[in-house]
Amino acid sequence: MEQDEGKPAADGAAARTARQIETLILEGALSPGDPLLPERELAERLGVSRPTLRQALKLLESRGLILADQGRRLVAPLGRGLTDPLIALMADHGEVVDDYLEFRATAERMAAGLAARRANDVDRARIGEAMAAIDRAHDTGSEPAEAAADVALHLALYEASHNLVLMQVMRALTGLLRRGVMDNRETMFRRPETREALRAQHRAIHDAVLAGDAAAAETAAEAHIRYVHQALGEIAAAEARLATSLRRLDGGGIARRG
């Protein structure tokens, strides 16, 4: 087999070591931005020599999976995710928000159903911890903490699905997810009943997944996103009608009246 131009060759031990680290990245055990252990300790943990480890890390760097940063090696974001400017651009266009929520309704349904079927004790504990954090933040009235716990719950569900493609796609969308949760909550909390409704929906997803009821989990997850989508649409429509009424009062600010 010919060596790819510009990529370092690797002996068998280095290639196996690189593969081991690649698997940890793919499984989500290593997250984007995670710093790797110092070279000596990392070689000991992996059971290889330091020269073998160096060769493996060079191979991973050439593949864009590891980044060198101020003497450290960090796990690179797979696909680099969405940049902050692109996230802001997408979030500011209503049609893109609609598309995003439409996509999430399908992704959340799939993730919740798979999580109900595949979650292990570790996964269930993480889902439970995220739900408990939602409850604590809700009871203390901390909207930022509740939003953070909301994101944590959804990411825990993606990980508990044990579908690596789904998990990595949603990790790449994490920035948009965080922005969406914060913006959606800020808008929806104009309705007094919304906050309790969202907690009840999260509780329904949590309970179904932990009970192993895939059908109920799928239904609860899709209903949750549909609720968010519908509520945001209704609020936007009401605000548009109000704006129209206000313009009629003063001629849109460009008519001389009175």
Protein backbone atom coordinates (compact mmCIF):
# COMPACT_ATOMS: atom_id res chain seq x y z
CA MET A 1 0.00 0.00 0.00
CA GLU A 2 1.34 3.41 -0.96
CA GLN A 3 1.78 6.01 1.76
CA ASP A 4 -0.45 9.09 1.43
CA GLU A 5 1.62 12.11 0.36
CA GLY A 6 2.32 14.43 3.27
CA LYS A 7 1.36 11.91 5.95
CA PRO A 8 3.95 10.22 8.14
CA ALA A 9 4.52 6.51 7.92
CA ALA A 10 3.82 4.50 11.07
CA ASP A 11 5.05 1.12 12.21
CA GLY A 12 2.60 -1.48 13.48
CA ALA A 13 2.79 -0.46 17.14
CA ALA A 14 2.34 3.24 16.37
CA ALA A 15 -0.57 2.55 14.04
CA ARG A 16 -2.29 0.43 16.71
CA THR A 17 -1.73 3.16 19.30
CA ALA A 18 -3.15 5.81 16.98
CA ARG A 19 -6.13 3.54 16.34
CA GLN A 20 -6.69 3.18 20.09
CA ILE A 21 -6.80 6.95 20.56
CA GLU A 22 -9.00 7.35 17.48
CA THR A 23 -11.51 4.95 19.00
CA LEU A 24 -11.64 6.97 22.22
CA ILE A 25 -12.33 10.13 20.19
CA LEU A 26 -15.01 8.46 18.09
CA GLU A 27 -16.75 6.98 21.13
CA GLY A 28 -16.80 10.35 22.83
CA ALA A 29 -14.53 9.28 25.68
CA LEU A 30 -12.22 12.05 24.49
CA SER A 31 -14.07 15.28 23.76
CA PRO A 32 -12.98 18.17 21.52
CA GLY A 33 -10.53 20.36 23.40
CA ASP A 34 -9.57 17.69 25.95
CA PRO A 35 -5.84 17.91 26.77
CA LEU A 36 -4.01 14.60 26.59
CA LEU A 37 -1.85 13.42 29.47
CA PRO A 38 1.86 14.36 29.44
CA GLU A 39 3.88 12.15 27.14
CA ARG A 40 5.49 9.96 29.81
CA GLU A 41 2.21 9.28 31.61
CA LEU A 42 0.28 8.75 28.39
CA ALA A 43 2.84 6.22 27.14
CA GLU A 44 2.57 4.32 30.42
CA ARG A 45 -1.23 4.31 30.30
CA LEU A 46 -1.22 2.99 26.74
CA GLY A 47 1.57 0.50 27.42
CA VAL A 48 3.85 1.70 24.65
CA SER A 49 7.28 3.31 24.40
CA ARG A 50 7.58 7.06 24.13
CA PRO A 51 9.03 6.88 20.58
CA THR A 52 6.03 4.76 19.54
CA LEU A 53 3.66 7.23 21.16
CA ARG A 54 5.33 10.19 19.43
CA GLN A 55 4.92 8.47 16.08
CA ALA A 56 1.27 7.73 16.82
CA LEU A 57 0.58 11.33 17.83
CA LYS A 58 2.25 12.64 14.69
CA LEU A 59 -0.02 10.36 12.68
CA LEU A 60 -3.09 11.71 14.51
CA GLU A 61 -1.93 15.30 14.00
CA SER A 62 -1.57 14.64 10.28
CA ARG A 63 -5.18 13.44 10.25
CA GLY A 64 -6.40 16.56 12.04
CA LEU A 65 -7.52 14.64 15.13
CA ILE A 66 -4.92 16.08 17.52
CA LEU A 67 -3.74 19.68 17.73
CA ALA A 68 -0.50 20.98 19.24
CA ASP A 69 -1.09 24.01 21.44
CA GLN A 70 1.54 25.67 23.62
CA GLY A 71 3.38 22.45 24.32
CA ARG A 72 0.20 20.44 24.87
CA ARG A 73 -1.72 18.16 22.58
CA LEU A 74 -5.48 18.67 22.43
CA VAL A 75 -8.22 16.65 20.84
CA ALA A 76 -9.37 18.55 17.77
CA PRO A 77 -13.09 19.15 17.14
CA LEU A 78 -14.31 16.57 14.63
CA GLY A 79 -15.47 18.49 11.59
CA ARG A 80 -14.56 21.66 13.54
CA GLY A 81 -18.27 22.05 14.40
CA LEU A 82 -20.02 25.29 13.58
CA THR A 83 -18.12 28.52 14.12
CA ASP A 84 -19.56 31.20 16.40
CA PRO A 85 -20.20 33.64 13.51
CA LEU A 86 -22.04 30.92 11.56
CA ILE A 87 -24.07 29.97 14.63
CA ALA A 88 -25.08 33.62 15.09
CA LEU A 89 -25.92 33.93 11.38
CA MET A 90 -28.13 30.83 11.46
CA ALA A 91 -29.80 31.80 14.74
CA ASP A 92 -30.75 35.23 13.34
CA HIS A 93 -32.67 33.81 10.38
CA GLY A 94 -36.10 32.48 11.23
CA GLU A 95 -36.26 30.01 8.36
CA VAL A 96 -33.04 28.36 9.53
CA VAL A 97 -34.36 28.11 13.09
CA ASP A 98 -37.43 26.34 11.70
CA ASP A 99 -35.21 23.92 9.78
CA TYR A 100 -33.06 23.33 12.86
CA LEU A 101 -36.05 22.51 15.07
CA GLU A 102 -37.48 20.26 12.36
CA PHE A 103 -34.17 18.39 12.27
CA ARG A 104 -34.02 18.19 16.07
CA ALA A 105 -37.51 16.69 16.29
CA THR A 106 -36.27 13.74 14.23
CA ALA A 107 -32.87 13.52 15.97
CA GLU A 108 -34.35 13.73 19.47
CA ARG A 109 -36.94 11.05 18.72
CA MET A 110 -34.23 8.73 17.41
CA ALA A 111 -31.85 9.46 20.28
CA ALA A 112 -34.47 8.94 22.99
CA GLY A 113 -35.69 5.67 21.49
CA LEU A 114 -32.18 4.28 21.14
CA ALA A 115 -31.27 5.47 24.64
CA ALA A 116 -34.26 3.63 26.08
CA ARG A 117 -33.09 0.44 24.36
CA ARG A 118 -29.33 0.77 24.88
CA ALA A 119 -28.60 2.88 27.97
CA ASN A 120 -26.44 1.22 30.62
CA ASP A 121 -26.10 2.09 34.30
CA VAL A 122 -23.52 4.81 33.58
CA ASP A 123 -25.74 6.41 30.94
CA ARG A 124 -28.81 6.27 33.15
CA ALA A 125 -26.90 7.88 36.00
CA ARG A 126 -25.84 10.79 33.77
CA ILE A 127 -29.39 11.27 32.50
CA GLY A 128 -30.63 11.21 36.09
CA GLU A 129 -28.02 13.75 37.17
CA ALA A 130 -29.01 16.11 34.36
CA MET A 131 -32.71 15.82 35.27
CA ALA A 132 -31.91 16.45 38.93
CA ALA A 133 -29.97 19.58 37.90
CA ILE A 134 -32.99 20.79 35.92
CA ASP A 135 -35.18 20.31 39.01
CA ARG A 136 -32.74 22.15 41.28
CA ALA A 137 -32.40 25.09 38.92
CA HIS A 138 -36.15 25.22 38.37
CA ASP A 139 -36.87 25.25 42.10
CA THR A 140 -34.31 27.99 42.79
CA GLY A 141 -35.40 30.08 39.82
CA SER A 142 -31.97 30.02 38.12
CA GLU A 143 -32.73 30.29 34.42
CA PRO A 144 -29.07 30.06 33.23
CA ALA A 145 -28.47 26.93 35.34
CA GLU A 146 -31.68 25.38 34.07
CA ALA A 147 -30.71 26.09 30.47
CA ALA A 148 -27.27 24.51 31.02
CA ALA A 149 -28.89 21.44 32.59
CA ASP A 150 -31.32 21.29 29.66
CA VAL A 151 -28.39 21.06 27.22
CA ALA A 152 -26.66 18.49 29.44
CA LEU A 153 -29.76 16.27 29.43
CA HIS A 154 -30.03 16.29 25.65
CA LEU A 155 -26.31 15.57 25.19
CA ALA A 156 -26.58 12.71 27.71
CA LEU A 157 -29.41 11.24 25.63
CA TYR A 158 -27.32 11.44 22.45
CA GLU A 159 -24.45 9.66 24.19
CA ALA A 160 -26.80 7.04 25.67
CA SER A 161 -28.07 6.27 22.15
CA HIS A 162 -24.68 4.62 21.45
CA ASN A 163 -25.03 5.69 17.84
CA LEU A 164 -21.64 7.24 17.14
CA VAL A 165 -22.73 9.12 14.02
CA LEU A 166 -25.71 10.69 15.78
CA MET A 167 -23.61 11.59 18.80
CA GLN A 168 -20.83 13.21 16.78
CA VAL A 169 -23.25 15.13 14.53
CA MET A 170 -25.02 16.55 17.57
CA ARG A 171 -21.70 17.34 19.27
CA ALA A 172 -20.76 19.33 16.16
CA LEU A 173 -24.05 21.19 16.61
CA THR A 174 -23.50 21.78 20.33
CA GLY A 175 -22.91 25.50 19.86
CA LEU A 176 -26.18 25.84 17.98
CA LEU A 177 -27.91 23.69 20.61
CA ARG A 178 -26.68 25.91 23.46
CA ARG A 179 -27.61 29.10 21.59
CA GLY A 180 -31.00 27.63 20.67
CA VAL A 181 -31.83 26.53 24.21
CA MET A 182 -30.91 29.93 25.66
CA ASP A 183 -32.73 31.95 23.00
CA ASN A 184 -35.78 29.68 22.94
CA ARG A 185 -36.16 29.79 26.71
CA GLU A 186 -35.80 33.57 26.81
CA THR A 187 -38.57 33.91 24.24
CA MET A 188 -40.84 31.20 25.61
CA PHE A 189 -40.63 32.34 29.22
CA ARG A 190 -42.79 35.30 28.22
CA ARG A 191 -45.54 32.74 28.74
CA PRO A 192 -45.83 31.96 32.47
CA GLU A 193 -46.81 28.33 31.92
CA THR A 194 -43.86 27.48 29.68
CA ARG A 195 -41.20 26.84 32.30
CA GLU A 196 -43.20 24.18 34.10
CA ALA A 197 -44.27 22.64 30.79
CA LEU A 198 -40.64 22.24 29.69
CA ARG A 199 -39.69 20.59 32.97
CA ALA A 200 -42.63 18.18 32.68
CA GLN A 201 -41.59 17.30 29.13
CA HIS A 202 -38.01 16.64 30.20
CA ARG A 203 -39.30 14.52 33.07
CA ALA A 204 -41.41 12.46 30.65
CA ILE A 205 -38.38 11.80 28.44
CA HIS A 206 -36.23 10.96 31.48
CA ASP A 207 -38.81 8.57 32.95
CA ALA A 208 -39.42 6.74 29.66
CA VAL A 209 -35.73 6.28 28.92
CA LEU A 210 -34.92 5.03 32.42
CA ALA A 211 -37.91 2.66 32.24
CA GLY A 212 -36.61 1.28 28.93
CA ASP A 213 -39.85 2.25 27.15
CA ALA A 214 -38.61 3.16 23.69
CA ALA A 215 -42.01 4.02 22.22
CA ALA A 216 -42.86 6.37 25.08
CA ALA A 217 -39.39 7.95 24.94
CA GLU A 218 -39.69 8.62 21.21
CA THR A 219 -43.14 10.14 21.61
CA ALA A 220 -42.08 12.33 24.55
CA ALA A 221 -38.91 13.58 22.82
CA GLU A 222 -40.65 14.48 19.57
CA ALA A 223 -43.55 16.11 21.43
CA HIS A 224 -41.07 18.24 23.39
CA ILE A 225 -39.45 19.70 20.28
CA ARG A 226 -42.82 20.12 18.54
CA TYR A 227 -44.03 22.07 21.57
CA VAL A 228 -41.00 24.36 21.43
CA HIS A 229 -41.43 24.88 17.69
CA GLN A 230 -45.15 25.62 17.97
CA ALA A 231 -44.75 27.95 20.96
CA LEU A 232 -42.03 29.96 19.26
CA GLY A 233 -44.17 30.26 16.12
CA GLU A 234 -47.18 31.45 18.08
CA ILE A 235 -45.14 34.03 19.99
CA ALA A 236 -43.54 35.32 16.77
CA ALA A 237 -46.95 35.58 15.09
CA ALA A 238 -48.42 37.47 18.07
CA GLU A 239 -45.49 39.89 18.09
CA ALA A 240 -45.86 40.46 14.34
CA ARG A 241 -49.56 41.26 14.76
CA LEU A 242 -48.76 43.69 17.58
CA ALA A 243 -46.12 45.40 15.44
CA THR A 244 -48.66 45.79 12.63
CA SER A 245 -51.20 47.33 15.01
CA LEU A 246 -48.63 49.79 16.34
CA ARG A 247 -47.65 50.86 12.84
CA ARG A 248 -51.29 51.60 12.07
CA LEU A 249 -51.39 53.99 14.99
CA ASP A 250 -48.65 56.24 13.67
CA GLY A 251 -48.55 55.47 9.98
CA GLY A 252 -45.38 53.52 10.34
CA GLY A 253 -43.64 56.64 11.58
CA ILE A 254 -43.60 58.31 8.16
CA ALA A 255 -47.11 59.86 8.00
CA ARG A 256 -48.10 63.30 9.36
CA ARG A 257 -51.10 62.88 11.63
CA GLY A 258 -53.03 65.01 14.15
